[in-house]
């Protein structure tokens, strides 16, 4: 367990990030599996990815497959890079299991919010062509890392070394800036992607709330008992 290690320096944080390693392995295995299914068995990729209409029709299994589907290697590496850079810092503070669970659950929740909460708005704002565009849920998990990273900074123990704090803060700031840098020339598809990423961010906030409740449940129970 990362939380039990006594030397939370930068090297220790990365070498002991088992949950981060597990997530990356899952994404790579799924990429190879889907590549085999689509390129060798010639199964259409549309069977694995989702769109707002398909989810609203009740094809909820697409939420799970979209979370681990990548259409090409650079797409996979882009998402994995965010996980490998930010994941170890988050995992160090909240633990491996909560981090892995939060990563995938945030994607599922983000997709549900994107489709059921904003589906009507997207259709009216961007038109039917953009409304039926496919999406990939794993990118939502990458943006859910931002609120989780903030939580990692706010949790005092175990403490980071000074160099670890610098690297973690710089990495988080970089990804937030790149992800939300304003661009007036964005196409409707690019705007749709940012909306989806924002849903992932909100799902990450929800995971942060759940983690805080679980971590402080004993204090909450004690306070409730004293109030009575």
C-alpha atoms as a PDB file:
ATOM      1  CA  UNK A   1       0.000   0.000   0.000  1.00  0.00           C
ATOM      2  CA  UNK A   2       1.295   3.411  -0.968  1.00  0.00           C
ATOM      3  CA  UNK A   3      -0.114   4.965   2.167  1.00  0.00           C
ATOM      4  CA  UNK A   4       2.187   2.834   4.335  1.00  0.00           C
ATOM      5  CA  UNK A   5       5.448   3.840   2.668  1.00  0.00           C
ATOM      6  CA  UNK A   6       7.699   6.077   4.710  1.00  0.00           C
ATOM      7  CA  UNK A   7       9.637   7.834   1.935  1.00  0.00           C
ATOM      8  CA  UNK A   8       7.135   9.733  -0.250  1.00  0.00           C
ATOM      9  CA  UNK A   9       9.786  11.126  -2.605  1.00  0.00           C
ATOM     10  CA  UNK A  10       9.281  11.441  -6.345  1.00  0.00           C
ATOM     11  CA  UNK A  11      10.891   8.085  -7.188  1.00  0.00           C
ATOM     12  CA  UNK A  12       8.907   6.223  -4.532  1.00  0.00           C
ATOM     13  CA  UNK A  13       5.649   7.738  -5.747  1.00  0.00           C
ATOM     14  CA  UNK A  14       6.151   6.495  -9.307  1.00  0.00           C
ATOM     15  CA  UNK A  15       7.726   3.110  -8.563  1.00  0.00           C
ATOM     16  CA  UNK A  16       4.905   2.087  -6.216  1.00  0.00           C
ATOM     17  CA  UNK A  17       1.942   3.287  -8.270  1.00  0.00           C
ATOM     18  CA  UNK A  18       0.418  -0.151  -8.826  1.00  0.00           C
ATOM     19  CA  UNK A  19      -3.049   1.178  -9.554  1.00  0.00           C
ATOM     20  CA  UNK A  20      -1.679   3.459 -12.260  1.00  0.00           C
ATOM     21  CA  UNK A  21       0.211   0.519 -13.777  1.00  0.00           C
ATOM     22  CA  UNK A  22      -2.967  -1.584 -13.689  1.00  0.00           C
ATOM     23  CA  UNK A  23      -4.996   1.071 -15.491  1.00  0.00           C
ATOM     24  CA  UNK A  24      -2.348   1.413 -18.206  1.00  0.00           C
ATOM     25  CA  UNK A  25      -2.213  -2.366 -18.644  1.00  0.00           C
ATOM     26  CA  UNK A  26      -6.001  -2.560 -18.970  1.00  0.00           C
ATOM     27  CA  UNK A  27      -6.016   0.192 -21.603  1.00  0.00           C
ATOM     28  CA  UNK A  28      -3.230  -1.478 -23.613  1.00  0.00           C
ATOM     29  CA  UNK A  29      -4.841  -4.933 -23.482  1.00  0.00           C
ATOM     30  CA  UNK A  30      -8.207  -3.498 -24.535  1.00  0.00           C
ATOM     31  CA  UNK A  31      -6.552  -1.578 -27.382  1.00  0.00           C
ATOM     32  CA  UNK A  32      -4.955  -4.778 -28.686  1.00  0.00           C
ATOM     33  CA  UNK A  33      -8.216  -6.695 -28.253  1.00  0.00           C
ATOM     34  CA  UNK A  34     -10.318  -4.140 -30.110  1.00  0.00           C
ATOM     35  CA  UNK A  35      -7.663  -3.852 -32.829  1.00  0.00           C
ATOM     36  CA  UNK A  36      -7.890  -7.617 -33.338  1.00  0.00           C
ATOM     37  CA  UNK A  37     -11.680  -7.549 -33.431  1.00  0.00           C
ATOM     38  CA  UNK A  38     -11.879  -4.665 -35.891  1.00  0.00           C
ATOM     39  CA  UNK A  39      -8.874  -5.369 -38.141  1.00  0.00           C
ATOM     40  CA  UNK A  40      -8.751  -9.180 -38.159  1.00  0.00           C
ATOM     41  CA  UNK A  41     -12.319 -10.262 -37.494  1.00  0.00           C
ATOM     42  CA  UNK A  42     -13.599  -7.156 -39.331  1.00  0.00           C
ATOM     43  CA  UNK A  43     -16.161  -6.289 -36.672  1.00  0.00           C
ATOM     44  CA  UNK A  44     -17.231  -2.647 -37.197  1.00  0.00           C
ATOM     45  CA  UNK A  45     -15.774  -0.278 -34.630  1.00  0.00           C
ATOM     46  CA  UNK A  46     -19.229   1.308 -34.373  1.00  0.00           C
ATOM     47  CA  UNK A  47     -20.227  -1.765 -32.351  1.00  0.00           C
ATOM     48  CA  UNK A  48     -17.937  -0.676 -29.520  1.00  0.00           C
ATOM     49  CA  UNK A  49     -18.137   3.118 -29.394  1.00  0.00           C
ATOM     50  CA  UNK A  50     -21.119   5.133 -28.272  1.00  0.00           C
ATOM     51  CA  UNK A  51     -23.098   8.158 -29.342  1.00  0.00           C
ATOM     52  CA  UNK A  52     -25.796  10.097 -27.554  1.00  0.00           C
ATOM     53  CA  UNK A  53     -28.668   8.466 -29.528  1.00  0.00           C
ATOM     54  CA  UNK A  54     -27.307   4.941 -28.935  1.00  0.00           C
ATOM     55  CA  UNK A  55     -27.053   5.484 -25.176  1.00  0.00           C
ATOM     56  CA  UNK A  56     -30.498   7.072 -25.013  1.00  0.00           C
ATOM     57  CA  UNK A  57     -31.882   4.013 -26.846  1.00  0.00           C
ATOM     58  CA  UNK A  58     -30.760   1.928 -23.893  1.00  0.00           C
ATOM     59  CA  UNK A  59     -27.530   0.484 -25.299  1.00  0.00           C
ATOM     60  CA  UNK A  60     -25.809   1.111 -21.969  1.00  0.00           C
ATOM     61  CA  UNK A  61     -23.121  -1.514 -22.591  1.00  0.00           C
ATOM     62  CA  UNK A  62     -21.519   1.016 -24.920  1.00  0.00           C
ATOM     63  CA  UNK A  63     -20.632   3.093 -21.858  1.00  0.00           C
ATOM     64  CA  UNK A  64     -18.240   0.357 -20.718  1.00  0.00           C
ATOM     65  CA  UNK A  65     -16.705  -0.424 -24.125  1.00  0.00           C
ATOM     66  CA  UNK A  66     -16.262   3.268 -24.969  1.00  0.00           C
ATOM     67  CA  UNK A  67     -14.341   3.732 -21.733  1.00  0.00           C
ATOM     68  CA  UNK A  68     -11.559   1.412 -22.905  1.00  0.00           C
ATOM     69  CA  UNK A  69     -11.767   1.859 -26.682  1.00  0.00           C
ATOM     70  CA  UNK A  70      -9.059   3.734 -28.632  1.00  0.00           C
ATOM     71  CA  UNK A  71      -9.225   4.110 -32.395  1.00  0.00           C
ATOM     72  CA  UNK A  72      -5.465   4.506 -32.884  1.00  0.00           C
ATOM     73  CA  UNK A  73      -2.169   4.279 -30.988  1.00  0.00           C
ATOM     74  CA  UNK A  74      -1.566   8.060 -30.567  1.00  0.00           C
ATOM     75  CA  UNK A  75      -5.036   8.389 -29.047  1.00  0.00           C
ATOM     76  CA  UNK A  76      -4.155   5.698 -26.508  1.00  0.00           C
ATOM     77  CA  UNK A  77      -0.774   7.233 -25.688  1.00  0.00           C
ATOM     78  CA  UNK A  78      -2.294  10.681 -25.151  1.00  0.00           C
ATOM     79  CA  UNK A  79      -4.688   9.385 -22.516  1.00  0.00           C
ATOM     80  CA  UNK A  80      -2.136   7.071 -20.947  1.00  0.00           C
ATOM     81  CA  UNK A  81       0.334   9.924 -20.601  1.00  0.00           C
ATOM     82  CA  UNK A  82      -2.113  11.849 -18.421  1.00  0.00           C
ATOM     83  CA  UNK A  83      -2.666   8.747 -16.298  1.00  0.00           C
ATOM     84  CA  UNK A  84       1.060   8.032 -15.932  1.00  0.00           C
ATOM     85  CA  UNK A  85       1.898  11.629 -14.998  1.00  0.00           C
ATOM     86  CA  UNK A  86      -0.962  12.491 -12.626  1.00  0.00           C
ATOM     87  CA  UNK A  87      -2.029   9.030 -11.472  1.00  0.00           C
ATOM     88  CA  UNK A  88       0.866   8.216  -9.102  1.00  0.00           C
ATOM     89  CA  UNK A  89       0.413  11.455  -7.115  1.00  0.00           C
ATOM     90  CA  UNK A  90      -3.310  10.852  -6.703  1.00  0.00           C
ATOM     91  CA  UNK A  91      -2.829   7.175  -5.881  1.00  0.00           C
ATOM     92  CA  UNK A  92      -0.264   7.993  -3.218  1.00  0.00           C
ATOM     93  CA  UNK A  93      -2.786  10.043  -1.259  1.00  0.00           C
ATOM     94  CA  UNK A  94      -6.069   8.148  -1.718  1.00  0.00           C
ATOM     95  CA  UNK A  95      -4.834   4.577  -2.246  1.00  0.00           C
ATOM     96  CA  UNK A  96      -4.674   2.243  -5.231  1.00  0.00           C
ATOM     97  CA  UNK A  97      -8.187   0.775  -5.106  1.00  0.00           C
ATOM     98  CA  UNK A  98     -10.032   4.121  -4.743  1.00  0.00           C
ATOM     99  CA  UNK A  99      -7.951   5.555  -7.578  1.00  0.00           C
ATOM    100  CA  UNK A 100      -8.648   2.700 -10.018  1.00  0.00           C
ATOM    101  CA  UNK A 101     -12.349   2.671  -9.140  1.00  0.00           C
ATOM    102  CA  UNK A 102     -12.603   6.456  -9.469  1.00  0.00           C
ATOM    103  CA  UNK A 103     -10.886   6.385 -12.857  1.00  0.00           C
ATOM    104  CA  UNK A 104     -13.413   4.065 -14.485  1.00  0.00           C
ATOM    105  CA  UNK A 105     -16.516   5.151 -12.548  1.00  0.00           C
ATOM    106  CA  UNK A 106     -15.874   8.801 -13.449  1.00  0.00           C
ATOM    107  CA  UNK A 107     -15.963   7.870 -17.119  1.00  0.00           C
ATOM    108  CA  UNK A 108     -19.261   6.011 -16.785  1.00  0.00           C
ATOM    109  CA  UNK A 109     -20.843   8.809 -14.774  1.00  0.00           C
ATOM    110  CA  UNK A 110     -19.483  11.408 -17.188  1.00  0.00           C
ATOM    111  CA  UNK A 111     -21.004   9.591 -20.153  1.00  0.00           C
ATOM    112  CA  UNK A 112     -24.380   9.325 -18.405  1.00  0.00           C
ATOM    113  CA  UNK A 113     -24.320  13.060 -17.643  1.00  0.00           C
ATOM    114  CA  UNK A 114     -23.213  13.837 -21.190  1.00  0.00           C
ATOM    115  CA  UNK A 115     -25.988  11.793 -22.803  1.00  0.00           C
ATOM    116  CA  UNK A 116     -28.939  12.041 -20.431  1.00  0.00           C
ATOM    117  CA  UNK A 117     -28.220  15.439 -18.906  1.00  0.00           C
ATOM    118  CA  UNK A 118     -26.956  17.365 -21.929  1.00  0.00           C
ATOM    119  CA  UNK A 119     -28.226  15.353 -24.885  1.00  0.00           C
ATOM    120  CA  UNK A 120     -31.126  17.677 -25.651  1.00  0.00           C
ATOM    121  CA  UNK A 121     -28.961  20.793 -25.284  1.00  0.00           C
ATOM    122  CA  UNK A 122     -26.280  19.369 -27.591  1.00  0.00           C
ATOM    123  CA  UNK A 123     -28.816  18.561 -30.284  1.00  0.00           C
ATOM    124  CA  UNK A 124     -30.372  22.020 -30.182  1.00  0.00           C
ATOM    125  CA  UNK A 125     -27.050  23.879 -29.911  1.00  0.00           C
ATOM    126  CA  UNK A 126     -24.905  21.949 -32.397  1.00  0.00           C
ATOM    127  CA  UNK A 127     -27.388  20.236 -34.698  1.00  0.00           C
ATOM    128  CA  UNK A 128     -28.225  16.635 -35.491  1.00  0.00           C
ATOM    129  CA  UNK A 129     -24.908  15.976 -37.246  1.00  0.00           C
ATOM    130  CA  UNK A 130     -22.890  16.653 -34.122  1.00  0.00           C
ATOM    131  CA  UNK A 131     -25.529  15.032 -31.926  1.00  0.00           C
ATOM    132  CA  UNK A 132     -24.934  11.604 -33.502  1.00  0.00           C
ATOM    133  CA  UNK A 133     -21.124  11.897 -33.394  1.00  0.00           C
ATOM    134  CA  UNK A 134     -19.346   9.043 -31.585  1.00  0.00           C
ATOM    135  CA  UNK A 135     -17.497   9.708 -28.348  1.00  0.00           C
ATOM    136  CA  UNK A 136     -14.792   7.897 -26.388  1.00  0.00           C
ATOM    137  CA  UNK A 137     -15.327   7.689 -22.645  1.00  0.00           C
ATOM    138  CA  UNK A 138     -11.721   7.187 -21.556  1.00  0.00           C
ATOM    139  CA  UNK A 139     -10.946  10.853 -22.242  1.00  0.00           C
ATOM    140  CA  UNK A 140     -13.560  11.752 -19.641  1.00  0.00           C
ATOM    141  CA  UNK A 141     -11.581   9.755 -17.079  1.00  0.00           C
ATOM    142  CA  UNK A 142      -8.464  11.737 -17.969  1.00  0.00           C
ATOM    143  CA  UNK A 143     -10.248  15.000 -17.132  1.00  0.00           C
ATOM    144  CA  UNK A 144     -11.617  13.500 -13.931  1.00  0.00           C
ATOM    145  CA  UNK A 145      -7.993  13.317 -12.798  1.00  0.00           C
ATOM    146  CA  UNK A 146      -7.932  17.104 -12.287  1.00  0.00           C
ATOM    147  CA  UNK A 147     -10.255  17.301  -9.236  1.00  0.00           C
ATOM    148  CA  UNK A 148      -8.643  14.125  -7.895  1.00  0.00           C
ATOM    149  CA  UNK A 149      -5.234  15.790  -8.207  1.00  0.00           C
ATOM    150  CA  UNK A 150      -6.522  18.809  -6.258  1.00  0.00           C
ATOM    151  CA  UNK A 151      -7.744  16.429  -3.564  1.00  0.00           C
ATOM    152  CA  UNK A 152      -4.270  14.874  -3.428  1.00  0.00           C
ATOM    153  CA  UNK A 153      -2.784  18.291  -2.677  1.00  0.00           C
ATOM    154  CA  UNK A 154      -5.329  18.988   0.053  1.00  0.00           C
ATOM    155  CA  UNK A 155      -4.738  15.696   1.888  1.00  0.00           C
ATOM    156  CA  UNK A 156      -1.909  16.396   4.307  1.00  0.00           C
ATOM    157  CA  UNK A 157      -0.619  12.896   5.024  1.00  0.00           C
ATOM    158  CA  UNK A 158       1.451  11.222   3.767  1.00  0.00           C
ATOM    159  CA  UNK A 159       3.365  14.368   2.864  1.00  0.00           C
ATOM    160  CA  UNK A 160       5.068  14.859  -0.498  1.00  0.00           C
ATOM    161  CA  UNK A 161       8.696  15.873  -0.835  1.00  0.00           C
ATOM    162  CA  UNK A 162       9.299  19.382  -2.182  1.00  0.00           C
ATOM    163  CA  UNK A 163      10.339  18.096  -5.628  1.00  0.00           C
ATOM    164  CA  UNK A 164       7.277  15.855  -5.773  1.00  0.00           C
ATOM    165  CA  UNK A 165       5.030  18.844  -5.039  1.00  0.00           C
ATOM    166  CA  UNK A 166       6.659  20.854  -7.839  1.00  0.00           C
ATOM    167  CA  UNK A 167       6.290  18.072 -10.413  1.00  0.00           C
ATOM    168  CA  UNK A 168       2.714  17.258  -9.390  1.00  0.00           C
ATOM    169  CA  UNK A 169       1.598  20.895  -9.422  1.00  0.00           C
ATOM    170  CA  UNK A 170       3.296  21.654 -12.762  1.00  0.00           C
ATOM    171  CA  UNK A 171       1.823  18.554 -14.400  1.00  0.00           C
ATOM    172  CA  UNK A 172      -1.688  19.323 -13.192  1.00  0.00           C
ATOM    173  CA  UNK A 173      -1.462  22.952 -14.300  1.00  0.00           C
ATOM    174  CA  UNK A 174      -0.163  21.910 -17.725  1.00  0.00           C
ATOM    175  CA  UNK A 175      -2.972  19.450 -18.435  1.00  0.00           C
ATOM    176  CA  UNK A 176      -5.682  21.808 -17.186  1.00  0.00           C
ATOM    177  CA  UNK A 177      -4.311  24.621 -19.356  1.00  0.00           C
ATOM    178  CA  UNK A 178      -3.982  22.470 -22.477  1.00  0.00           C
ATOM    179  CA  UNK A 179      -7.417  20.953 -21.983  1.00  0.00           C
ATOM    180  CA  UNK A 180      -9.302  24.215 -21.525  1.00  0.00           C
ATOM    181  CA  UNK A 181      -7.246  26.763 -23.416  1.00  0.00           C
ATOM    182  CA  UNK A 182      -9.792  28.999 -25.216  1.00  0.00           C
ATOM    183  CA  UNK A 183      -9.886  28.726 -29.001  1.00  0.00           C
ATOM    184  CA  UNK A 184     -12.446  30.859 -30.882  1.00  0.00           C
ATOM    185  CA  UNK A 185     -11.898  28.849 -34.080  1.00  0.00           C
ATOM    186  CA  UNK A 186     -13.039  25.525 -32.619  1.00  0.00           C
ATOM    187  CA  UNK A 187     -15.405  23.445 -34.727  1.00  0.00           C
ATOM    188  CA  UNK A 188     -18.674  22.117 -33.330  1.00  0.00           C
ATOM    189  CA  UNK A 189     -17.080  18.690 -32.924  1.00  0.00           C
ATOM    190  CA  UNK A 190     -14.234  20.194 -30.880  1.00  0.00           C
ATOM    191  CA  UNK A 191     -16.747  22.087 -28.750  1.00  0.00           C
ATOM    192  CA  UNK A 192     -18.646  18.835 -28.233  1.00  0.00           C
ATOM    193  CA  UNK A 193     -15.429  17.194 -27.066  1.00  0.00           C
ATOM    194  CA  UNK A 194     -14.868  19.965 -24.515  1.00  0.00           C
ATOM    195  CA  UNK A 195     -18.417  19.520 -23.233  1.00  0.00           C
ATOM    196  CA  UNK A 196     -17.746  15.802 -22.814  1.00  0.00           C
ATOM    197  CA  UNK A 197     -14.470  16.507 -21.022  1.00  0.00           C
ATOM    198  CA  UNK A 198     -16.281  18.889 -18.668  1.00  0.00           C
ATOM    199  CA  UNK A 199     -18.706  16.080 -17.846  1.00  0.00           C
ATOM    200  CA  UNK A 200     -15.700  13.963 -16.924  1.00  0.00           C
ATOM    201  CA  UNK A 201     -14.425  16.773 -14.717  1.00  0.00           C
ATOM    202  CA  UNK A 202     -17.786  16.978 -12.921  1.00  0.00           C
ATOM    203  CA  UNK A 203     -17.818  13.198 -12.481  1.00  0.00           C
ATOM    204  CA  UNK A 204     -14.357  13.508 -10.951  1.00  0.00           C
ATOM    205  CA  UNK A 205     -15.727  16.054  -8.485  1.00  0.00           C
ATOM    206  CA  UNK A 206     -18.424  13.565  -7.507  1.00  0.00           C
ATOM    207  CA  UNK A 207     -15.764  10.894  -6.911  1.00  0.00           C
ATOM    208  CA  UNK A 208     -13.856  13.371  -4.753  1.00  0.00           C
ATOM    209  CA  UNK A 209     -17.004  13.972  -2.694  1.00  0.00           C
ATOM    210  CA  UNK A 210     -17.545  10.225  -2.206  1.00  0.00           C
ATOM    211  CA  UNK A 211     -13.900   9.694  -1.212  1.00  0.00           C
ATOM    212  CA  UNK A 212     -14.090  12.520   1.338  1.00  0.00           C
ATOM    213  CA  UNK A 213     -17.287  11.088   2.827  1.00  0.00           C
ATOM    214  CA  UNK A 214     -15.730   7.615   3.127  1.00  0.00           C
ATOM    215  CA  UNK A 215     -12.493   8.955   4.622  1.00  0.00           C
ATOM    216  CA  UNK A 216     -14.378  11.038   7.185  1.00  0.00           C
ATOM    217  CA  UNK A 217     -17.272   8.691   7.931  1.00  0.00           C
ATOM    218  CA  UNK A 218     -15.973   7.890  11.419  1.00  0.00           C
ATOM    219  CA  UNK A 219     -15.790  11.593  12.289  1.00  0.00           C
ATOM    220  CA  UNK A 220     -19.279  12.108  10.878  1.00  0.00           C
ATOM    221  CA  UNK A 221     -20.692   9.222  12.909  1.00  0.00           C
ATOM    222  CA  UNK A 222     -18.952  10.487  16.047  1.00  0.00           C
ATOM    223  CA  UNK A 223     -20.291  14.005  15.511  1.00  0.00           C
ATOM    224  CA  UNK A 224     -23.784  12.677  14.918  1.00  0.00           C
ATOM    225  CA  UNK A 225     -23.633  10.636  18.147  1.00  0.00           C
ATOM    226  CA  UNK A 226     -22.460  13.629  20.149  1.00  0.00           C
ATOM    227  CA  UNK A 227     -25.251  15.780  18.721  1.00  0.00           C
ATOM    228  CA  UNK A 228     -27.841  13.338  20.033  1.00  0.00           C
END
